[in-house]
PDB file of all heavy atoms in Angstrom:
ATOM      1  N   ILE A   1       3.583   8.026  14.314  1.00  0.00           N
ATOM      2  CA  ILE A   1       3.258   6.561  14.231  1.00  0.00           C
ATOM      3  C   ILE A   1       4.504   5.711  14.211  1.00  0.00           C
ATOM      4  O   ILE A   1       4.537   4.591  13.727  1.00  0.00           O
ATOM      5  CB  ILE A   1       2.459   6.285  12.946  1.00  0.00           C
ATOM      6  CG1 ILE A   1       3.121   6.818  11.690  1.00  0.00           C
ATOM      7  CG2 ILE A   1       1.040   6.830  13.051  1.00  0.00           C
ATOM      8  CD1 ILE A   1       2.469   6.468  10.395  1.00  0.00           C
ATOM      9  N   VAL A   2       5.608   6.308  14.819  1.00  0.00           N
ATOM     10  CA  VAL A   2       6.896   5.507  14.803  1.00  0.00           C
ATOM     11  C   VAL A   2       6.764   4.161  15.500  1.00  0.00           C
ATOM     12  O   VAL A   2       7.515   3.225  15.108  1.00  0.00           O
ATOM     13  CB  VAL A   2       7.977   6.410  15.450  1.00  0.00           C
ATOM     14  CG1 VAL A   2       7.810   6.533  16.968  1.00  0.00           C
ATOM     15  CG2 VAL A   2       9.351   5.893  15.096  1.00  0.00           C
ATOM     16  N   PHE A   3       5.885   4.055  16.451  1.00  0.00           N
ATOM     17  CA  PHE A   3       5.750   2.754  17.160  1.00  0.00           C
ATOM     18  C   PHE A   3       5.107   1.570  16.344  1.00  0.00           C
ATOM     19  O   PHE A   3       5.180   0.473  16.715  1.00  0.00           O
ATOM     20  CB  PHE A   3       4.995   2.918  18.455  1.00  0.00           C
ATOM     21  CG  PHE A   3       3.591   3.369  18.276  1.00  0.00           C
ATOM     22  CD1 PHE A   3       2.494   2.548  18.215  1.00  0.00           C
ATOM     23  CD2 PHE A   3       3.325   4.735  18.177  1.00  0.00           C
ATOM     24  CE1 PHE A   3       1.218   2.965  18.006  1.00  0.00           C
ATOM     25  CE2 PHE A   3       2.033   5.252  18.001  1.00  0.00           C
ATOM     26  CZ  PHE A   3       0.953   4.359  17.910  1.00  0.00           C
ATOM     27  N   ILE A   4       4.533   1.947  15.184  1.00  0.00           N
ATOM     28  CA  ILE A   4       3.950   0.916  14.254  1.00  0.00           C
ATOM     29  C   ILE A   4       4.582   1.014  12.897  1.00  0.00           C
ATOM     30  O   ILE A   4       4.039   0.408  11.939  1.00  0.00           O
ATOM     31  CB  ILE A   4       2.458   1.025  14.147  1.00  0.00           C
ATOM     32  CG1 ILE A   4       1.964   2.356  13.673  1.00  0.00           C
ATOM     33  CG2 ILE A   4       1.771   0.687  15.522  1.00  0.00           C
ATOM     34  CD1 ILE A   4       0.533   2.447  13.288  1.00  0.00           C
ATOM     35  N   ASP A   5       5.693   1.726  12.712  1.00  0.00           N
ATOM     36  CA  ASP A   5       6.257   1.967  11.341  1.00  0.00           C
ATOM     37  C   ASP A   5       6.593   0.646  10.736  1.00  0.00           C
ATOM     38  O   ASP A   5       6.424   0.504   9.455  1.00  0.00           O
ATOM     39  CB  ASP A   5       7.469   2.826  11.491  1.00  0.00           C
ATOM     40  CG  ASP A   5       8.609   2.286  12.426  1.00  0.00           C
ATOM     41  OD1 ASP A   5       8.419   1.272  13.053  1.00  0.00           O
ATOM     42  OD2 ASP A   5       9.709   2.939  12.308  1.00  0.00           O
ATOM     43  N   HIS A   6       7.149  -0.322  11.389  1.00  0.00           N
ATOM     44  CA  HIS A   6       7.520  -1.582  10.781  1.00  0.00           C
ATOM     45  C   HIS A   6       6.272  -2.350  10.201  1.00  0.00           C
ATOM     46  O   HIS A   6       6.348  -3.008   9.201  1.00  0.00           O
ATOM     47  CB  HIS A   6       8.301  -2.455  11.758  1.00  0.00           C
ATOM     48  CG  HIS A   6       7.678  -2.666  13.052  1.00  0.00           C
ATOM     49  ND1 HIS A   6       7.644  -1.677  14.044  1.00  0.00           N
ATOM     50  CD2 HIS A   6       6.920  -3.682  13.579  1.00  0.00           C
ATOM     51  CE1 HIS A   6       6.987  -2.124  15.118  1.00  0.00           C
ATOM     52  NE2 HIS A   6       6.562  -3.353  14.831  1.00  0.00           N
ATOM     53  N   TRP A   7       5.138  -2.199  10.944  1.00  0.00           N
ATOM     54  CA  TRP A   7       3.907  -2.818  10.393  1.00  0.00           C
ATOM     55  C   TRP A   7       3.397  -2.124   9.145  1.00  0.00           C
ATOM     56  O   TRP A   7       2.949  -2.755   8.259  1.00  0.00           O
ATOM     57  CB  TRP A   7       2.819  -2.732  11.553  1.00  0.00           C
ATOM     58  CG  TRP A   7       3.056  -3.691  12.641  1.00  0.00           C
ATOM     59  CD1 TRP A   7       3.546  -3.444  13.837  1.00  0.00           C
ATOM     60  CD2 TRP A   7       2.868  -5.119  12.557  1.00  0.00           C
ATOM     61  NE1 TRP A   7       3.703  -4.653  14.602  1.00  0.00           N
ATOM     62  CE2 TRP A   7       3.246  -5.681  13.824  1.00  0.00           C
ATOM     63  CE3 TRP A   7       2.438  -6.004  11.603  1.00  0.00           C
ATOM     64  CZ2 TRP A   7       3.179  -6.985  14.080  1.00  0.00           C
ATOM     65  CZ3 TRP A   7       2.351  -7.359  11.912  1.00  0.00           C
ATOM     66  CH2 TRP A   7       2.754  -7.837  13.111  1.00  0.00           C
ATOM     67  N   ILE A   8       3.573  -0.811   9.118  1.00  0.00           N
ATOM     68  CA  ILE A   8       3.146  -0.009   7.941  1.00  0.00           C
ATOM     69  C   ILE A   8       4.017  -0.471   6.723  1.00  0.00           C
ATOM     70  O   ILE A   8       3.535  -0.722   5.664  1.00  0.00           O
ATOM     71  CB  ILE A   8       3.288   1.497   8.136  1.00  0.00           C
ATOM     72  CG1 ILE A   8       2.207   1.913   9.200  1.00  0.00           C
ATOM     73  CG2 ILE A   8       3.097   2.254   6.879  1.00  0.00           C
ATOM     74  CD1 ILE A   8       2.353   3.355   9.689  1.00  0.00           C
ATOM     75  N   ALA A   9       5.374  -0.485   6.879  1.00  0.00           N
ATOM     76  CA  ALA A   9       6.272  -0.975   5.878  1.00  0.00           C
ATOM     77  C   ALA A   9       5.909  -2.361   5.415  1.00  0.00           C
ATOM     78  O   ALA A   9       5.843  -2.614   4.211  1.00  0.00           O
ATOM     79  CB  ALA A   9       7.707  -0.894   6.396  1.00  0.00           C
ATOM     80  N   PHE A  10       5.697  -3.272   6.356  1.00  0.00           N
ATOM     81  CA  PHE A  10       5.356  -4.656   6.059  1.00  0.00           C
ATOM     82  C   PHE A  10       4.024  -4.667   5.245  1.00  0.00           C
ATOM     83  O   PHE A  10       4.025  -5.318   4.181  1.00  0.00           O
ATOM     84  CB  PHE A  10       5.180  -5.428   7.358  1.00  0.00           C
ATOM     85  CG  PHE A  10       4.530  -6.720   7.199  1.00  0.00           C
ATOM     86  CD1 PHE A  10       5.164  -7.826   6.606  1.00  0.00           C
ATOM     87  CD2 PHE A  10       3.199  -6.967   7.681  1.00  0.00           C
ATOM     88  CE1 PHE A  10       4.577  -9.095   6.461  1.00  0.00           C
ATOM     89  CE2 PHE A  10       2.562  -8.159   7.522  1.00  0.00           C
ATOM     90  CZ  PHE A  10       3.229  -9.242   6.957  1.00  0.00           C
ATOM     91  N   ILE A  11       3.010  -3.990   5.696  1.00  0.00           N
ATOM     92  CA  ILE A  11       1.645  -4.036   4.988  1.00  0.00           C
ATOM     93  C   ILE A  11       1.822  -3.448   3.597  1.00  0.00           C
ATOM     94  O   ILE A  11       1.314  -4.067   2.658  1.00  0.00           O
ATOM     95  CB  ILE A  11       0.618  -3.360   5.861  1.00  0.00           C
ATOM     96  CG1 ILE A  11       0.326  -4.189   7.092  1.00  0.00           C
ATOM     97  CG2 ILE A  11      -0.641  -3.096   5.075  1.00  0.00           C
ATOM     98  CD1 ILE A  11      -0.519  -3.438   8.136  1.00  0.00           C
ATOM     99  N   LEU A  12       2.412  -2.288   3.459  1.00  0.00           N
ATOM    100  CA  LEU A  12       2.532  -1.693   2.139  1.00  0.00           C
ATOM    101  C   LEU A  12       3.331  -2.550   1.137  1.00  0.00           C
ATOM    102  O   LEU A  12       2.864  -2.769   0.043  1.00  0.00           O
ATOM    103  CB  LEU A  12       3.220  -0.303   2.219  1.00  0.00           C
ATOM    104  CG  LEU A  12       2.326   0.809   2.828  1.00  0.00           C
ATOM    105  CD1 LEU A  12       3.134   2.072   3.005  1.00  0.00           C
ATOM    106  CD2 LEU A  12       1.147   1.109   1.922  1.00  0.00           C
ATOM    107  N   LEU A  13       4.473  -3.063   1.574  1.00  0.00           N
ATOM    108  CA  LEU A  13       5.266  -3.884   0.669  1.00  0.00           C
ATOM    109  C   LEU A  13       4.593  -5.191   0.331  1.00  0.00           C
ATOM    110  O   LEU A  13       4.601  -5.601  -0.812  1.00  0.00           O
ATOM    111  CB  LEU A  13       6.669  -4.168   1.341  1.00  0.00           C
ATOM    112  CG  LEU A  13       7.566  -2.970   1.372  1.00  0.00           C
ATOM    113  CD1 LEU A  13       8.838  -3.303   2.192  1.00  0.00           C
ATOM    114  CD2 LEU A  13       8.008  -2.506  -0.007  1.00  0.00           C
ATOM    115  N   VAL A  14       3.892  -5.813   1.259  1.00  0.00           N
ATOM    116  CA  VAL A  14       3.217  -7.088   0.975  1.00  0.00           C
ATOM    117  C   VAL A  14       2.026  -6.787   0.084  1.00  0.00           C
ATOM    118  O   VAL A  14       1.815  -7.543  -0.907  1.00  0.00           O
ATOM    119  CB  VAL A  14       2.710  -7.747   2.295  1.00  0.00           C
ATOM    120  CG1 VAL A  14       1.741  -8.880   2.023  1.00  0.00           C
ATOM    121  CG2 VAL A  14       3.930  -8.304   3.021  1.00  0.00           C
ATOM    122  N   LEU A  15       1.219  -5.728   0.300  1.00  0.00           N
ATOM    123  CA  LEU A  15       0.171  -5.402  -0.588  1.00  0.00           C
ATOM    124  C   LEU A  15       0.634  -5.138  -2.024  1.00  0.00           C
ATOM    125  O   LEU A  15       0.030  -5.591  -2.991  1.00  0.00           O
ATOM    126  CB  LEU A  15      -0.619  -4.224  -0.062  1.00  0.00           C
ATOM    127  CG  LEU A  15      -1.514  -4.421   1.159  1.00  0.00           C
ATOM    128  CD1 LEU A  15      -2.144  -3.156   1.662  1.00  0.00           C
ATOM    129  CD2 LEU A  15      -2.620  -5.475   0.826  1.00  0.00           C
ATOM    130  N   ILE A  16       1.721  -4.344  -2.167  1.00  0.00           N
ATOM    131  CA  ILE A  16       2.273  -4.016  -3.498  1.00  0.00           C
ATOM    132  C   ILE A  16       2.707  -5.356  -4.146  1.00  0.00           C
ATOM    133  O   ILE A  16       2.431  -5.577  -5.296  1.00  0.00           O
ATOM    134  CB  ILE A  16       3.439  -3.047  -3.383  1.00  0.00           C
ATOM    135  CG1 ILE A  16       2.885  -1.682  -2.898  1.00  0.00           C
ATOM    136  CG2 ILE A  16       4.110  -2.885  -4.729  1.00  0.00           C
ATOM    137  CD1 ILE A  16       4.012  -0.745  -2.465  1.00  0.00           C
ATOM    138  N   GLY A  17       3.412  -6.148  -3.405  1.00  0.00           N
ATOM    139  CA  GLY A  17       3.938  -7.449  -3.885  1.00  0.00           C
ATOM    140  C   GLY A  17       2.836  -8.366  -4.338  1.00  0.00           C
ATOM    141  O   GLY A  17       2.892  -8.974  -5.438  1.00  0.00           O
ATOM    142  N   VAL A  18       1.818  -8.505  -3.492  1.00  0.00           N
ATOM    143  CA  VAL A  18       0.670  -9.402  -3.834  1.00  0.00           C
ATOM    144  C   VAL A  18      -0.031  -8.877  -5.063  1.00  0.00           C
ATOM    145  O   VAL A  18      -0.445  -9.655  -5.912  1.00  0.00           O
ATOM    146  CB  VAL A  18      -0.246  -9.565  -2.578  1.00  0.00           C
ATOM    147  CG1 VAL A  18      -1.609 -10.168  -2.999  1.00  0.00           C
ATOM    148  CG2 VAL A  18       0.410 -10.360  -1.546  1.00  0.00           C
ATOM    149  N   ASN A  19      -0.168  -7.578  -5.168  1.00  0.00           N
ATOM    150  CA  ASN A  19      -0.827  -6.959  -6.350  1.00  0.00           C
ATOM    151  C   ASN A  19      -0.028  -7.322  -7.623  1.00  0.00           C
ATOM    152  O   ASN A  19      -0.544  -7.669  -8.653  1.00  0.00           O
ATOM    153  CB  ASN A  19      -1.011  -5.510  -6.220  1.00  0.00           C
ATOM    154  CG  ASN A  19      -1.880  -4.931  -7.301  1.00  0.00           C
ATOM    155  OD1 ASN A  19      -2.974  -5.386  -7.626  1.00  0.00           O
ATOM    156  ND2 ASN A  19      -1.337  -3.860  -7.975  1.00  0.00           N
ATOM    157  N   MET A  20       1.298  -7.230  -7.546  1.00  0.00           N
ATOM    158  CA  MET A  20       2.161  -7.539  -8.718  1.00  0.00           C
ATOM    159  C   MET A  20       2.018  -9.013  -9.023  1.00  0.00           C
ATOM    160  O   MET A  20       1.949  -9.406 -10.243  1.00  0.00           O
ATOM    161  CB  MET A  20       3.612  -7.170  -8.397  1.00  0.00           C
ATOM    162  CG  MET A  20       3.885  -5.678  -8.507  1.00  0.00           C
ATOM    163  SD  MET A  20       5.627  -5.257  -8.000  1.00  0.00           S
ATOM    164  CE  MET A  20       6.485  -5.949  -9.501  1.00  0.00           C
ATOM    165  N   ILE A  21       1.947  -9.897  -8.015  1.00  0.00           N
ATOM    166  CA  ILE A  21       1.803 -11.326  -8.295  1.00  0.00           C
ATOM    167  C   ILE A  21       0.488 -11.578  -8.923  1.00  0.00           C
ATOM    168  O   ILE A  21       0.365 -12.359  -9.925  1.00  0.00           O
ATOM    169  CB  ILE A  21       1.975 -12.092  -6.949  1.00  0.00           C
ATOM    170  CG1 ILE A  21       3.387 -12.017  -6.473  1.00  0.00           C
ATOM    171  CG2 ILE A  21       1.508 -13.558  -7.158  1.00  0.00           C
ATOM    172  CD1 ILE A  21       3.607 -12.520  -5.044  1.00  0.00           C
ATOM    173  N   ARG A  22      -0.584 -10.907  -8.461  1.00  0.00           N
ATOM    174  CA  ARG A  22      -1.959 -11.049  -9.002  1.00  0.00           C
ATOM    175  C   ARG A  22      -1.947 -10.669 -10.510  1.00  0.00           C
ATOM    176  O   ARG A  22      -2.485 -11.350 -11.390  1.00  0.00           O
ATOM    177  CB  ARG A  22      -2.959 -10.305  -8.196  1.00  0.00           C
ATOM    178  CG  ARG A  22      -4.398 -10.436  -8.651  1.00  0.00           C
ATOM    179  CD  ARG A  22      -5.365  -9.568  -7.904  1.00  0.00           C
ATOM    180  NE  ARG A  22      -4.940  -8.141  -7.906  1.00  0.00           N
ATOM    181  CZ  ARG A  22      -5.134  -7.330  -8.905  1.00  0.00           C
ATOM    182  NH1 ARG A  22      -5.711  -7.728 -10.000  1.00  0.00           N
ATOM    183  NH2 ARG A  22      -4.743  -6.050  -8.733  1.00  0.00           N
ATOM    184  N   GLU A  23      -1.269  -9.489 -10.798  1.00  0.00           N
ATOM    185  CA  GLU A  23      -1.241  -9.064 -12.171  1.00  0.00           C
ATOM    186  C   GLU A  23      -0.448  -9.949 -13.045  1.00  0.00           C
ATOM    187  O   GLU A  23      -0.799 -10.205 -14.214  1.00  0.00           O
ATOM    188  CB  GLU A  23      -0.612  -7.671 -12.216  1.00  0.00           C
ATOM    189  CG  GLU A  23      -1.535  -6.557 -11.706  1.00  0.00           C
ATOM    190  CD  GLU A  23      -0.887  -5.171 -11.638  1.00  0.00           C
ATOM    191  OE1 GLU A  23       0.312  -5.054 -12.135  1.00  0.00           O
ATOM    192  OE2 GLU A  23      -1.487  -4.245 -11.175  1.00  0.00           O
ATOM    193  N   ALA A  24       0.619 -10.584 -12.483  1.00  0.00           N
ATOM    194  CA  ALA A  24       1.420 -11.492 -13.276  1.00  0.00           C
ATOM    195  C   ALA A  24       0.610 -12.796 -13.629  1.00  0.00           C
ATOM    196  O   ALA A  24       0.859 -13.368 -14.680  1.00  0.00           O
ATOM    197  CB  ALA A  24       2.696 -11.872 -12.539  1.00  0.00           C
ATOM    198  N   CYS A  25      -0.223 -13.155 -12.750  1.00  0.00           N
ATOM    199  CA  CYS A  25      -1.014 -14.427 -12.940  1.00  0.00           C
ATOM    200  C   CYS A  25      -2.282 -14.133 -13.760  1.00  0.00           C
ATOM    201  O   CYS A  25      -2.881 -15.073 -14.162  1.00  0.00           O
ATOM    202  CB  CYS A  25      -1.311 -14.997 -11.587  1.00  0.00           C
ATOM    203  SG  CYS A  25       0.102 -15.612 -10.711  1.00  0.00           S
ATOM    204  N   GLY A  26      -2.643 -12.881 -13.984  1.00  0.00           N
ATOM    205  CA  GLY A  26      -3.783 -12.508 -14.747  1.00  0.00           C
ATOM    206  C   GLY A  26      -3.602 -12.799 -16.257  1.00  0.00           C
ATOM    207  O   GLY A  26      -2.527 -12.928 -16.710  1.00  0.00           O
ATOM    208  N   LYS A  27      -4.736 -12.894 -16.905  1.00  0.00           N
ATOM    209  CA  LYS A  27      -4.635 -13.165 -18.337  1.00  0.00           C
ATOM    210  C   LYS A  27      -4.777 -11.938 -19.220  1.00  0.00           C
ATOM    211  O   LYS A  27      -4.806 -12.053 -20.475  1.00  0.00           O
ATOM    212  CB  LYS A  27      -5.805 -14.160 -18.700  1.00  0.00           C
ATOM    213  CG  LYS A  27      -5.771 -15.460 -17.947  1.00  0.00           C
ATOM    214  CD  LYS A  27      -4.562 -16.262 -18.329  1.00  0.00           C
ATOM    215  CE  LYS A  27      -4.549 -17.524 -17.589  1.00  0.00           C
ATOM    216  NZ  LYS A  27      -3.229 -18.158 -17.415  1.00  0.00           N
ATOM    217  N   GLU A  28      -4.856 -10.726 -18.626  1.00  0.00           N
ATOM    218  CA  GLU A  28      -4.999  -9.548 -19.419  1.00  0.00           C
ATOM    219  C   GLU A  28      -3.722  -9.250 -20.165  1.00  0.00           C
ATOM    220  O   GLU A  28      -2.622  -9.307 -19.646  1.00  0.00           O
ATOM    221  CB  GLU A  28      -5.271  -8.311 -18.528  1.00  0.00           C
ATOM    222  CG  GLU A  28      -6.644  -8.363 -17.881  1.00  0.00           C
ATOM    223  CD  GLU A  28      -6.887  -7.091 -17.044  1.00  0.00           C
ATOM    224  OE1 GLU A  28      -6.223  -6.024 -17.298  1.00  0.00           O
ATOM    225  OE2 GLU A  28      -7.651  -7.133 -16.116  1.00  0.00           O
ATOM    226  N   ALA A  29      -3.862  -8.892 -21.409  1.00  0.00           N
ATOM    227  CA  ALA A  29      -2.733  -8.508 -22.264  1.00  0.00           C
ATOM    228  C   ALA A  29      -2.642  -7.001 -22.235  1.00  0.00           C
ATOM    229  O   ALA A  29      -3.631  -6.300 -22.319  1.00  0.00           O
ATOM    230  CB  ALA A  29      -2.943  -8.977 -23.656  1.00  0.00           C
ATOM    231  N   GLU A  30      -1.422  -6.535 -22.012  1.00  0.00           N
ATOM    232  CA  GLU A  30      -1.206  -5.072 -22.045  1.00  0.00           C
ATOM    233  C   GLU A  30      -1.158  -4.549 -23.484  1.00  0.00           C
ATOM    234  O   GLU A  30      -0.579  -5.169 -24.312  1.00  0.00           O
ATOM    235  CB  GLU A  30       0.083  -4.721 -21.341  1.00  0.00           C
ATOM    236  CG  GLU A  30      -0.031  -4.883 -19.791  1.00  0.00           C
ATOM    237  CD  GLU A  30       1.073  -4.165 -19.162  1.00  0.00           C
ATOM    238  OE1 GLU A  30       1.568  -3.085 -19.609  1.00  0.00           O
ATOM    239  OE2 GLU A  30       1.513  -4.701 -18.130  1.00  0.00           O
ATOM    240  N   LYS A  31      -1.798  -3.390 -23.655  1.00  0.00           N
ATOM    241  CA  LYS A  31      -1.823  -2.817 -24.972  1.00  0.00           C
ATOM    242  C   LYS A  31      -0.702  -1.718 -25.033  1.00  0.00           C
ATOM    243  O   LYS A  31      -0.717  -0.825 -24.238  1.00  0.00           O
ATOM    244  CB  LYS A  31      -3.150  -2.174 -25.258  1.00  0.00           C
ATOM    245  CG  LYS A  31      -4.304  -3.158 -25.325  1.00  0.00           C
ATOM    246  CD  LYS A  31      -5.586  -2.424 -25.581  1.00  0.00           C
ATOM    247  CE  LYS A  31      -6.803  -3.353 -25.409  1.00  0.00           C
ATOM    248  NZ  LYS A  31      -8.068  -2.628 -25.471  1.00  0.00           N
ATOM    249  N   THR A  32       0.199  -1.844 -25.963  1.00  0.00           N
ATOM    250  CA  THR A  32       1.168  -0.834 -26.170  1.00  0.00           C
ATOM    251  C   THR A  32       1.434  -0.694 -27.595  1.00  0.00           C
ATOM    252  O   THR A  32       1.104  -1.576 -28.437  1.00  0.00           O
ATOM    253  CB  THR A  32       2.528  -1.180 -25.498  1.00  0.00           C
ATOM    254  OG1 THR A  32       3.052  -2.340 -26.065  1.00  0.00           O
ATOM    255  CG2 THR A  32       2.416  -1.319 -23.995  1.00  0.00           C
ATOM    256  N   ASP A  33       1.872   0.493 -28.022  1.00  0.00           N
ATOM    257  CA  ASP A  33       2.266   0.681 -29.356  1.00  0.00           C
ATOM    258  C   ASP A  33       3.717   1.246 -29.372  1.00  0.00           C
ATOM    259  O   ASP A  33       4.328   1.375 -28.290  1.00  0.00           O
ATOM    260  CB  ASP A  33       1.293   1.602 -30.147  1.00  0.00           C
ATOM    261  CG  ASP A  33       1.207   3.064 -29.444  1.00  0.00           C
ATOM    262  OD1 ASP A  33       2.131   3.478 -28.878  1.00  0.00           O
ATOM    263  OD2 ASP A  33       0.073   3.622 -29.579  1.00  0.00           O
ATOM    264  N   ASP A  34       4.192   1.613 -30.545  1.00  0.00           N
ATOM    265  CA  ASP A  34       5.595   1.993 -30.636  1.00  0.00           C
ATOM    266  C   ASP A  34       5.773   3.476 -30.334  1.00  0.00           C
ATOM    267  O   ASP A  34       6.939   4.021 -30.410  1.00  0.00           O
ATOM    268  CB  ASP A  34       6.225   1.566 -31.919  1.00  0.00           C
ATOM    269  CG  ASP A  34       5.637   2.351 -33.088  1.00  0.00           C
ATOM    270  OD1 ASP A  34       4.614   3.005 -32.957  1.00  0.00           O
ATOM    271  OD2 ASP A  34       6.204   2.287 -34.219  1.00  0.00           O
ATOM    272  N   SER A  35       4.802   4.219 -29.882  1.00  0.00           N
ATOM    273  CA  SER A  35       4.864   5.599 -29.622  1.00  0.00           C
ATOM    274  C   SER A  35       5.681   5.913 -28.393  1.00  0.00           C
ATOM    275  O   SER A  35       5.566   5.211 -27.391  1.00  0.00           O
ATOM    276  CB  SER A  35       3.487   6.161 -29.452  1.00  0.00           C
ATOM    277  OG  SER A  35       3.539   7.556 -29.039  1.00  0.00           O
ATOM    278  N   LEU A  36       6.552   6.877 -28.489  1.00  0.00           N
ATOM    279  CA  LEU A  36       7.309   7.354 -27.350  1.00  0.00           C
ATOM    280  C   LEU A  36       6.908   8.789 -27.042  1.00  0.00           C
ATOM    281  O   LEU A  36       7.684   9.533 -26.451  1.00  0.00           O
ATOM    282  CB  LEU A  36       8.802   7.282 -27.615  1.00  0.00           C
ATOM    283  CG  LEU A  36       9.393   5.911 -27.937  1.00  0.00           C
ATOM    284  CD1 LEU A  36      10.907   5.982 -28.229  1.00  0.00           C
ATOM    285  CD2 LEU A  36       9.121   4.924 -26.755  1.00  0.00           C
ATOM    286  N   ALA A  37       5.690   9.145 -27.410  1.00  0.00           N
ATOM    287  CA  ALA A  37       5.162  10.467 -27.237  1.00  0.00           C
ATOM    288  C   ALA A  37       5.027  10.838 -25.734  1.00  0.00           C
ATOM    289  O   ALA A  37       4.854   9.903 -24.927  1.00  0.00           O
ATOM    290  CB  ALA A  37       3.813  10.629 -27.893  1.00  0.00           C
ATOM    291  N   PHE A  38       5.106  12.052 -25.421  1.00  0.00           N
ATOM    292  CA  PHE A  38       5.038  12.536 -23.975  1.00  0.00           C
ATOM    293  C   PHE A  38       3.888  11.998 -23.274  1.00  0.00           C
ATOM    294  O   PHE A  38       4.025  11.408 -22.190  1.00  0.00           O
ATOM    295  CB  PHE A  38       5.028  14.082 -23.952  1.00  0.00           C
ATOM    296  CG  PHE A  38       4.902  14.632 -22.589  1.00  0.00           C
ATOM    297  CD1 PHE A  38       6.012  14.852 -21.854  1.00  0.00           C
ATOM    298  CD2 PHE A  38       3.653  14.935 -22.043  1.00  0.00           C
ATOM    299  CE1 PHE A  38       5.878  15.371 -20.534  1.00  0.00           C
ATOM    300  CE2 PHE A  38       3.521  15.427 -20.817  1.00  0.00           C
ATOM    301  CZ  PHE A  38       4.660  15.613 -19.994  1.00  0.00           C
ATOM    302  N   ARG A  39       2.694  12.117 -23.799  1.00  0.00           N
ATOM    303  CA  ARG A  39       1.483  11.722 -23.105  1.00  0.00           C
ATOM    304  C   ARG A  39       1.443  10.223 -22.738  1.00  0.00           C
ATOM    305  O   ARG A  39       1.201   9.873 -21.675  1.00  0.00           O
ATOM    306  CB  ARG A  39       0.276  12.085 -23.952  1.00  0.00           C
ATOM    307  CG  ARG A  39      -1.023  11.723 -23.278  1.00  0.00           C
ATOM    308  CD  ARG A  39      -2.184  12.108 -24.159  1.00  0.00           C
ATOM    309  NE  ARG A  39      -3.442  11.536 -23.709  1.00  0.00           N
ATOM    310  CZ  ARG A  39      -4.474  12.250 -23.286  1.00  0.00           C
ATOM    311  NH1 ARG A  39      -4.427  13.592 -23.359  1.00  0.00           N
ATOM    312  NH2 ARG A  39      -5.544  11.657 -22.816  1.00  0.00           N
ATOM    313  N   GLU A  40       1.808   9.389 -23.753  1.00  0.00           N
ATOM    314  CA  GLU A  40       1.772   7.969 -23.524  1.00  0.00           C
ATOM    315  C   GLU A  40       2.863   7.541 -22.550  1.00  0.00           C
ATOM    316  O   GLU A  40       2.609   6.781 -21.594  1.00  0.00           O
ATOM    317  CB  GLU A  40       1.967   7.167 -24.779  1.00  0.00           C
ATOM    318  CG  GLU A  40       1.968   5.689 -24.507  1.00  0.00           C
ATOM    319  CD  GLU A  40       2.065   4.797 -25.763  1.00  0.00           C
ATOM    320  OE1 GLU A  40       1.808   5.282 -26.873  1.00  0.00           O
ATOM    321  OE2 GLU A  40       2.415   3.641 -25.643  1.00  0.00           O
ATOM    322  N   MET A  41       4.110   8.052 -22.699  1.00  0.00           N
ATOM    323  CA  MET A  41       5.162   7.706 -21.801  1.00  0.00           C
ATOM    324  C   MET A  41       4.928   8.236 -20.368  1.00  0.00           C
ATOM    325  O   MET A  41       5.264   7.554 -19.354  1.00  0.00           O
ATOM    326  CB  MET A  41       6.483   8.216 -22.345  1.00  0.00           C
ATOM    327  CG  MET A  41       6.930   7.491 -23.609  1.00  0.00           C
ATOM    328  SD  MET A  41       6.975   5.692 -23.502  1.00  0.00           S
ATOM    329  CE  MET A  41       8.177   5.421 -22.190  1.00  0.00           C
TER     330      MET A  41
END
């Protein structure tokens, strides 16, 4: 797929970026505690 690689890179980065923007604008609060246990981390 080398002939469309730039389109793949473009689409993946834009989708990831838009998802991060959407999450930043959301009202959901993240739940975390002070645990540094293996499973949670």
